[in-house]
């Protein structure tokens, strides 16, 4: 639809090019809004056919873009401080000439996704204004976006959602072939955000992101994921749920059933594999806390995604006074909704715990469980009902022992509390 001052309508894949080219050639001034789907798109303000400002969910943040383009952190902070203090755009443009490249990159990222997907647009013409200080030509950016898309065609859709496969199997070897930016893309595949959202976050134009997604798919490290579903595809337990019963073999080779603790309070902990330094450190901490937990009537059970042989030669070296169970096919891990996360594995907050775990001297070279598996802890009330479900965000993220003890005290009879406090 076109009036004297406005233009709007639906656009097919690539349809935005003709409209934006017309506005740039006619040196129009006004505001254009583009949506790939409701609430997801960008707003572009034109002054005499040049980009004066842009924003919205499909536009990378200015500070992220500057950093991606190599601007030192200190200089980015200085720019943001001056902008927050109300410094005029003309002054900022003179003081920080790198702003032009950042604005061009932000507009390029948004345009490549808008051109690669159908959507809707609106343009409202405004009174002519002086040229913007950034000097970014809308027509120039459009030509660059079209060139990129023509030279790198892809069948992928920017609105599709991708995730890391639940079982990587032989694909784990492919991790050695990844480049630094491959890792950034792979760590962003959470099964919730669309490729366009990921590209905006990483400041990657569509052609660059699509190429890396196709590379990851070829290596078996990425797969299409239904929208609106969690990447894990698992049903996570919540307080009030019954704890699923199971029977697994313990370190001594005897079967152990969770149902045998139906009248007890239980801390049920899920771990990665028997040689995991994070896991062995947590077991070491549980061994130290076990007398206190036992006094509160709390039984501890640990479940590892490894066969008995590995458990005996690794975590078994600590001689834990509570059951350590083997779940080599991860069936019980899955039953309790214990998922995997590459982003969690790369979380730098877990690194100090890794080194502490190494100091225990337990062999860690064998990885016979899922590399990306995250830990989880469940506090089970008598009757084996979930009081709290704690799903770790990285390999060292377990429920704090202080919280476990506090929970145990809240359920302990008065006589036990008096004894723990040293009263007769």
Protein backbone atom coordinates (compact mmCIF):
# COMPACT_ATOMS: atom_id res chain seq x y z
CA UNK A 1 0.00 0.00 0.00
CA UNK A 2 1.33 3.49 -0.90
CA UNK A 3 0.17 6.95 0.11
CA UNK A 4 1.86 10.30 -0.18
CA UNK A 5 3.75 9.75 3.07
CA UNK A 6 3.75 6.01 3.77
CA UNK A 7 4.51 2.63 2.27
CA UNK A 8 3.66 -0.76 3.80
CA UNK A 9 2.92 -4.36 2.99
CA UNK A 10 4.18 -7.93 2.91
CA UNK A 11 7.52 -8.76 1.34
CA UNK A 12 8.76 -12.06 0.03
CA UNK A 13 12.28 -13.38 0.38
CA UNK A 14 14.54 -10.69 -1.05
CA UNK A 15 11.62 -8.31 -1.52
CA UNK A 16 13.05 -5.69 0.79
CA UNK A 17 15.84 -4.93 -1.70
CA UNK A 18 13.63 -3.16 -4.24
CA UNK A 19 11.90 -1.04 -1.60
CA UNK A 20 15.05 0.03 0.20
CA UNK A 21 16.82 0.73 -3.09
CA UNK A 22 13.95 3.03 -4.11
CA UNK A 23 14.09 4.90 -0.79
CA UNK A 24 17.86 5.31 -1.00
CA UNK A 25 17.81 6.46 -4.65
CA UNK A 26 15.06 8.98 -3.88
CA UNK A 27 17.03 10.27 -0.85
CA UNK A 28 13.98 9.75 1.33
CA UNK A 29 13.82 10.70 5.01
CA UNK A 30 11.66 8.64 7.34
CA UNK A 31 11.36 5.56 9.52
CA UNK A 32 11.23 1.99 8.18
CA UNK A 33 10.15 -0.94 10.33
CA UNK A 34 10.77 -4.52 9.15
CA UNK A 35 9.40 -7.62 10.91
CA UNK A 36 10.32 -11.21 10.04
CA UNK A 37 7.70 -12.35 12.54
CA UNK A 38 5.62 -10.39 15.06
CA UNK A 39 7.89 -8.53 17.47
CA UNK A 40 11.10 -9.62 15.77
CA UNK A 41 12.76 -7.28 13.31
CA UNK A 42 14.39 -3.86 13.20
CA UNK A 43 13.71 -0.16 12.71
CA UNK A 44 15.82 1.87 10.32
CA UNK A 45 15.71 5.68 10.32
CA UNK A 46 16.74 7.22 7.03
CA UNK A 47 17.91 10.79 6.45
CA UNK A 48 18.20 11.73 2.79
CA UNK A 49 18.61 8.06 1.89
CA UNK A 50 21.34 7.43 4.44
CA UNK A 51 21.18 5.43 7.68
CA UNK A 52 20.80 7.82 10.62
CA UNK A 53 19.93 5.29 13.31
CA UNK A 54 18.83 1.70 13.68
CA UNK A 55 17.67 -0.58 16.46
CA UNK A 56 15.50 -3.54 17.41
CA UNK A 57 15.96 -7.25 18.20
CA UNK A 58 17.54 -7.96 14.79
CA UNK A 59 20.27 -5.32 15.21
CA UNK A 60 23.45 -6.19 17.17
CA UNK A 61 24.24 -4.03 20.15
CA UNK A 62 26.67 -1.21 19.40
CA UNK A 63 29.16 -2.27 22.09
CA UNK A 64 29.15 -5.91 20.91
CA UNK A 65 29.78 -4.75 17.35
CA UNK A 66 32.66 -2.47 18.31
CA UNK A 67 34.33 -5.25 20.29
CA UNK A 68 33.80 -7.73 17.42
CA UNK A 69 35.51 -5.25 15.10
CA UNK A 70 38.54 -5.03 17.39
CA UNK A 71 37.89 -1.85 19.40
CA UNK A 72 39.62 -2.07 22.82
CA UNK A 73 37.29 -2.52 25.79
CA UNK A 74 38.47 0.69 27.43
CA UNK A 75 37.64 2.75 24.38
CA UNK A 76 34.20 1.13 24.10
CA UNK A 77 33.52 2.01 27.73
CA UNK A 78 34.62 5.61 27.09
CA UNK A 79 32.28 5.90 24.09
CA UNK A 80 29.32 4.49 26.02
CA UNK A 81 29.99 6.87 28.91
CA UNK A 82 30.03 9.90 26.61
CA UNK A 83 26.87 8.75 24.86
CA UNK A 84 25.09 8.22 28.18
CA UNK A 85 26.17 11.72 29.25
CA UNK A 86 24.28 13.14 26.26
CA UNK A 87 27.19 13.92 23.94
CA UNK A 88 26.02 15.04 20.48
CA UNK A 89 26.25 12.47 17.64
CA UNK A 90 28.43 14.84 15.61
CA UNK A 91 30.98 15.02 18.44
CA UNK A 92 30.93 11.26 18.95
CA UNK A 93 31.49 10.71 15.24
CA UNK A 94 34.59 12.94 15.30
CA UNK A 95 35.98 11.45 18.53
CA UNK A 96 35.26 7.84 17.60
CA UNK A 97 35.69 7.38 13.82
CA UNK A 98 35.22 3.61 14.27
CA UNK A 99 31.52 4.31 14.80
CA UNK A 100 30.99 4.40 11.05
CA UNK A 101 32.28 0.84 10.56
CA UNK A 102 30.20 -0.33 13.54
CA UNK A 103 27.02 1.23 12.15
CA UNK A 104 27.68 -0.29 8.74
CA UNK A 105 28.18 -3.72 10.31
CA UNK A 106 25.01 -3.47 12.40
CA UNK A 107 22.95 -2.47 9.37
CA UNK A 108 24.57 -5.20 7.25
CA UNK A 109 23.74 -7.91 9.79
CA UNK A 110 20.08 -6.82 10.03
CA UNK A 111 19.66 -6.51 6.27
CA UNK A 112 21.11 -9.92 5.41
CA UNK A 113 18.55 -11.63 7.67
CA UNK A 114 15.69 -9.45 6.42
CA UNK A 115 16.58 -10.21 2.79
CA UNK A 116 16.81 -13.95 3.46
CA UNK A 117 13.31 -14.24 4.93
CA UNK A 118 9.79 -13.05 4.05
CA UNK A 119 8.12 -10.57 6.36
CA UNK A 120 6.36 -7.23 6.57
CA UNK A 121 7.51 -3.64 6.35
CA UNK A 122 6.27 -0.12 7.03
CA UNK A 123 7.82 3.18 5.95
CA UNK A 124 6.63 6.56 7.17
CA UNK A 125 8.09 9.58 5.43
CA UNK A 126 9.28 12.51 7.55
CA UNK A 127 10.50 16.01 6.83
CA UNK A 128 13.99 16.28 5.29
CA UNK A 129 16.86 16.60 7.77
CA UNK A 130 20.63 17.19 7.63
CA UNK A 131 22.78 14.19 6.62
CA UNK A 132 23.66 11.88 9.57
CA UNK A 133 27.20 12.14 10.98
CA UNK A 134 27.87 8.45 10.37
CA UNK A 135 27.79 8.81 6.58
CA UNK A 136 26.45 5.27 6.09
CA UNK A 137 24.70 4.90 2.74
CA UNK A 138 21.66 2.61 2.74
CA UNK A 139 22.19 1.76 -0.94
CA UNK A 140 25.82 0.80 -0.36
CA UNK A 141 24.96 -1.52 2.51
CA UNK A 142 22.13 -3.05 0.49
CA UNK A 143 24.49 -3.85 -2.39
CA UNK A 144 26.95 -5.51 -0.02
CA UNK A 145 24.17 -7.56 1.59
CA UNK A 146 22.89 -8.72 -1.80
CA UNK A 147 26.41 -9.60 -2.93
CA UNK A 148 26.93 -11.78 0.14
CA UNK A 149 23.65 -13.61 -0.30
CA UNK A 150 24.18 -14.15 -4.04
CA UNK A 151 27.67 -15.57 -3.54
CA UNK A 152 26.69 -17.80 -0.59
CA UNK A 153 23.22 -19.28 -1.27
CA UNK A 154 21.84 -21.58 1.42
CA UNK A 155 18.64 -23.60 1.91
CA UNK A 156 18.57 -22.70 5.62
CA UNK A 157 15.92 -20.37 7.04
CA UNK A 158 16.99 -17.59 9.44
CA UNK A 159 13.97 -18.33 11.64
CA UNK A 160 14.82 -22.02 12.07
CA UNK A 161 16.01 -23.31 15.44
CA UNK A 162 19.01 -25.62 15.83
CA UNK A 163 20.48 -27.58 18.72
CA UNK A 164 23.40 -29.86 19.52
CA UNK A 165 22.39 -33.55 19.08
CA UNK A 166 21.72 -35.33 22.36
CA UNK A 167 24.17 -38.11 21.54
CA UNK A 168 27.27 -37.01 19.66
CA UNK A 169 28.92 -40.43 19.47
CA UNK A 170 31.71 -40.42 16.86
CA UNK A 171 31.05 -36.71 16.21
CA UNK A 172 33.03 -35.89 19.34
CA UNK A 173 36.19 -36.34 17.27
CA UNK A 174 35.00 -33.52 15.02
CA UNK A 175 35.40 -31.03 17.87
CA UNK A 176 39.11 -30.98 17.10
CA UNK A 177 38.38 -29.52 13.66
CA UNK A 178 36.49 -26.49 14.96
CA UNK A 179 37.77 -22.96 14.61
CA UNK A 180 37.24 -20.38 17.40
CA UNK A 181 34.17 -18.88 15.71
CA UNK A 182 32.76 -22.39 15.15
CA UNK A 183 32.88 -22.85 18.92
CA UNK A 184 31.02 -19.59 19.46
CA UNK A 185 28.25 -20.66 17.10
CA UNK A 186 28.09 -24.19 18.51
CA UNK A 187 27.85 -22.90 22.08
CA UNK A 188 24.89 -20.72 21.05
CA UNK A 189 22.74 -23.59 19.73
CA UNK A 190 20.34 -23.96 22.64
CA UNK A 191 17.22 -25.25 20.86
CA UNK A 192 15.31 -22.07 21.70
CA UNK A 193 16.79 -19.13 19.80
CA UNK A 194 16.39 -18.87 16.04
CA UNK A 195 19.44 -18.62 13.81
CA UNK A 196 18.64 -14.93 13.27
CA UNK A 197 18.72 -14.31 17.02
CA UNK A 198 22.04 -16.14 17.33
CA UNK A 199 23.54 -14.23 14.40
CA UNK A 200 22.50 -10.92 15.91
CA UNK A 201 24.05 -11.86 19.24
CA UNK A 202 27.32 -12.93 17.55
CA UNK A 203 27.29 -9.96 15.11
CA UNK A 204 27.44 -12.35 12.15
CA UNK A 205 25.71 -11.60 8.81
CA UNK A 206 23.44 -14.36 7.57
CA UNK A 207 25.85 -15.74 4.98
CA UNK A 208 28.61 -16.19 7.57
CA UNK A 209 26.34 -17.83 10.15
CA UNK A 210 24.61 -20.10 7.65
CA UNK A 211 27.99 -21.32 6.37
CA UNK A 212 29.09 -22.25 9.88
CA UNK A 213 25.79 -23.98 10.66
CA UNK A 214 26.13 -26.08 7.49
CA UNK A 215 29.69 -26.95 8.50
CA UNK A 216 28.55 -28.04 11.98
CA UNK A 217 25.73 -30.11 10.48
CA UNK A 218 28.23 -31.83 8.18
CA UNK A 219 30.32 -32.74 11.23
CA UNK A 220 27.27 -34.11 13.06
CA UNK A 221 27.42 -31.36 15.69
CA UNK A 222 24.17 -29.52 14.90
CA UNK A 223 20.65 -30.51 13.93
CA UNK A 224 17.33 -28.79 13.27
CA UNK A 225 15.16 -28.53 16.38
CA UNK A 226 11.38 -28.00 16.71
CA UNK A 227 10.55 -24.47 17.79
CA UNK A 228 9.35 -23.95 21.34
CA UNK A 229 10.94 -27.11 22.76
CA UNK A 230 13.85 -27.30 25.16
CA UNK A 231 17.09 -28.34 23.53
CA UNK A 232 17.39 -31.31 25.86
CA UNK A 233 14.02 -32.74 24.84
CA UNK A 234 13.81 -34.04 28.41
CA UNK A 235 11.08 -33.83 31.01
CA UNK A 236 12.62 -32.23 34.06
CA UNK A 237 11.30 -33.05 37.50
CA UNK A 238 9.90 -30.38 39.78
CA UNK A 239 9.01 -30.20 43.50
CA UNK A 240 6.09 -32.44 44.33
CA UNK A 241 6.79 -34.97 41.58
CA UNK A 242 7.32 -38.61 42.55
CA UNK A 243 10.92 -39.69 42.10
CA UNK A 244 11.07 -42.47 39.45
CA UNK A 245 12.25 -45.74 40.95
CA UNK A 246 15.23 -47.55 39.43
CA UNK A 247 17.70 -50.35 40.12
CA UNK A 248 21.39 -50.08 39.20
CA UNK A 249 24.57 -51.92 40.16
CA UNK A 250 26.71 -50.46 42.96
CA UNK A 251 30.52 -50.49 43.24
CA UNK A 252 30.49 -53.89 44.99
CA UNK A 253 28.53 -55.43 42.12
CA UNK A 254 25.24 -55.78 44.01
CA UNK A 255 21.98 -54.30 42.69
CA UNK A 256 20.73 -51.21 44.51
CA UNK A 257 17.14 -49.99 44.28
CA UNK A 258 16.08 -46.45 45.13
CA UNK A 259 12.87 -47.98 46.49
CA UNK A 260 14.86 -49.36 49.43
CA UNK A 261 15.06 -45.78 50.77
CA UNK A 262 11.34 -45.05 50.55
CA UNK A 263 11.17 -44.13 54.26
CA UNK A 264 14.34 -41.99 54.19
CA UNK A 265 15.40 -38.50 53.22
CA UNK A 266 17.68 -38.79 50.21
CA UNK A 267 20.20 -36.61 48.39
CA UNK A 268 20.25 -38.19 44.93
CA UNK A 269 23.13 -36.83 42.83
CA UNK A 270 23.80 -37.42 39.13
CA UNK A 271 27.34 -37.14 37.76
CA UNK A 272 29.10 -37.29 34.39
CA UNK A 273 31.69 -40.09 34.24
CA UNK A 274 33.97 -41.83 36.70
CA UNK A 275 37.14 -39.92 35.72
CA UNK A 276 35.54 -36.45 35.73
CA UNK A 277 37.60 -34.13 38.00
CA UNK A 278 34.53 -32.01 38.77
CA UNK A 279 32.56 -35.10 39.78
CA UNK A 280 35.34 -36.56 41.90
CA UNK A 281 35.75 -33.25 43.70
CA UNK A 282 32.04 -33.23 44.54
CA UNK A 283 32.21 -36.82 45.81
CA UNK A 284 35.21 -35.78 47.95
CA UNK A 285 33.11 -32.94 49.42
CA UNK A 286 30.17 -35.29 50.03
CA UNK A 287 32.44 -37.72 51.86
CA UNK A 288 33.54 -34.90 54.17
CA UNK A 289 29.94 -33.81 54.78
CA UNK A 290 28.51 -37.32 55.09
CA UNK A 291 28.70 -37.58 58.91
CA UNK A 292 26.65 -34.36 59.21
CA UNK A 293 24.17 -35.48 56.57
CA UNK A 294 23.84 -38.91 58.16
CA UNK A 295 23.15 -37.33 61.55
CA UNK A 296 20.28 -35.43 59.93
CA UNK A 297 18.88 -38.67 58.55
CA UNK A 298 19.89 -37.92 54.96
CA UNK A 299 21.04 -40.81 52.78
CA UNK A 300 23.32 -40.02 49.84
CA UNK A 301 23.21 -41.84 46.50
CA UNK A 302 25.45 -41.04 43.51
CA UNK A 303 24.73 -42.08 39.92
CA UNK A 304 27.48 -41.98 37.27
CA UNK A 305 27.20 -42.38 33.50
CA UNK A 306 30.02 -44.97 33.40
CA UNK A 307 30.32 -48.77 33.63
CA UNK A 308 31.35 -50.37 36.92
CA UNK A 309 34.91 -51.01 35.73
CA UNK A 310 35.58 -47.29 35.34
CA UNK A 311 33.87 -46.39 38.59
CA UNK A 312 35.97 -48.88 40.56
CA UNK A 313 39.28 -47.62 39.16
CA UNK A 314 38.44 -43.94 39.42
CA UNK A 315 35.80 -42.52 41.76
CA UNK A 316 35.90 -45.80 43.69
CA UNK A 317 39.43 -44.92 44.88
CA UNK A 318 37.84 -42.51 47.34
CA UNK A 319 35.96 -45.35 49.09
CA UNK A 320 32.75 -43.34 49.51
CA UNK A 321 30.60 -44.50 52.44
CA UNK A 322 27.42 -44.20 50.37
CA UNK A 323 26.21 -46.02 47.23
CA UNK A 324 27.85 -45.12 43.92
CA UNK A 325 25.83 -46.56 41.03
CA UNK A 326 26.67 -47.27 37.39
CA UNK A 327 24.33 -45.96 34.68
CA UNK A 328 26.48 -46.66 31.58
CA UNK A 329 23.71 -46.10 29.03
CA UNK A 330 22.44 -42.95 30.80
CA UNK A 331 18.95 -44.44 31.04
CA UNK A 332 18.36 -43.18 34.60
CA UNK A 333 20.00 -39.83 33.80
CA UNK A 334 17.45 -39.44 31.03
CA UNK A 335 14.62 -40.64 33.29
CA UNK A 336 15.41 -37.75 35.65
CA UNK A 337 15.76 -35.18 32.86
CA UNK A 338 19.49 -34.69 33.31
CA UNK A 339 20.57 -32.96 30.11
CA UNK A 340 23.68 -31.89 28.24
CA UNK A 341 25.15 -28.51 27.42
CA UNK A 342 28.20 -27.49 25.42
CA UNK A 343 27.80 -23.95 26.75
CA UNK A 344 27.92 -25.37 30.27
CA UNK A 345 31.02 -27.40 29.51
CA UNK A 346 32.76 -24.21 28.34
CA UNK A 347 31.64 -22.14 31.35
CA UNK A 348 34.82 -20.53 32.75
CA UNK A 349 33.34 -20.52 36.27
CA UNK A 350 33.87 -24.28 36.41
CA UNK A 351 37.60 -24.14 35.61
CA UNK A 352 38.92 -23.58 39.18
CA UNK A 353 36.95 -26.63 40.34
CA UNK A 354 38.54 -28.67 37.54
CA UNK A 355 42.04 -27.95 38.85
CA UNK A 356 40.97 -28.72 42.43
CA UNK A 357 39.58 -32.04 41.22
CA UNK A 358 42.82 -32.89 39.43
CA UNK A 359 44.71 -32.52 42.70
CA UNK A 360 42.87 -35.56 44.05
CA UNK A 361 45.14 -37.70 41.86
CA UNK A 362 42.36 -39.75 40.30
CA UNK A 363 42.94 -40.81 36.64
CA UNK A 364 40.76 -38.68 34.39
CA UNK A 365 41.84 -39.62 30.85
CA UNK A 366 38.96 -42.01 30.18
CA UNK A 367 35.72 -40.36 29.08
CA UNK A 368 33.26 -43.24 28.77
CA UNK A 369 30.18 -41.15 29.57
CA UNK A 370 28.58 -38.28 27.69
CA UNK A 371 31.13 -35.46 27.47
CA UNK A 372 28.45 -32.75 27.52
CA UNK A 373 26.40 -34.24 30.38
CA UNK A 374 25.63 -31.79 33.18
CA UNK A 375 25.14 -32.76 36.85
CA UNK A 376 21.90 -32.69 38.81
CA UNK A 377 20.82 -33.10 42.44
CA UNK A 378 17.48 -34.06 43.92
CA UNK A 379 16.31 -33.75 47.52
CA UNK A 380 13.78 -36.53 48.09
CA UNK A 381 11.38 -36.49 51.04
CA UNK A 382 10.26 -39.71 52.74
CA UNK A 383 7.96 -41.40 50.28
CA UNK A 384 10.46 -40.55 47.53
CA UNK A 385 8.82 -37.32 46.47
CA UNK A 386 10.91 -34.48 45.04
CA UNK A 387 11.41 -31.62 47.50
CA UNK A 388 13.89 -29.81 45.27
CA UNK A 389 15.33 -30.45 41.80
CA UNK A 390 18.65 -28.76 41.05
CA UNK A 391 19.88 -29.01 37.45
CA UNK A 392 23.51 -27.87 37.15
CA UNK A 393 24.41 -25.19 34.60
CA UNK A 394 28.04 -26.30 34.35
CA UNK A 395 29.97 -29.45 35.38
CA UNK A 396 30.81 -28.01 38.81
CA UNK A 397 27.32 -26.66 39.57
CA UNK A 398 25.75 -28.73 42.34
CA UNK A 399 23.23 -27.85 45.00
CA UNK A 400 25.10 -26.16 47.89
CA UNK A 401 25.70 -28.51 50.80
CA UNK A 402 24.53 -25.77 53.17
CA UNK A 403 21.12 -25.91 51.50
CA UNK A 404 21.03 -29.70 51.83
CA UNK A 405 21.78 -29.48 55.55
CA UNK A 406 19.21 -26.73 56.03
CA UNK A 407 16.62 -28.91 54.33
CA UNK A 408 17.60 -31.86 56.52
CA UNK A 409 17.25 -29.77 59.69
CA UNK A 410 13.81 -28.58 58.63
CA UNK A 411 12.61 -32.19 58.54
CA UNK A 412 14.58 -33.48 61.54
CA UNK A 413 12.67 -34.36 64.72
CA UNK A 414 13.35 -32.16 67.80
CA UNK A 415 15.45 -34.84 69.50
CA UNK A 416 17.87 -34.94 66.56
CA UNK A 417 18.15 -31.15 66.47
CA UNK A 418 18.91 -31.01 70.22
CA UNK A 419 21.64 -33.62 69.81
CA UNK A 420 23.19 -31.77 66.88
CA UNK A 421 23.20 -28.54 68.86
CA UNK A 422 24.83 -30.26 71.85
CA UNK A 423 21.81 -29.99 74.14
CA UNK A 424 20.64 -32.89 76.32
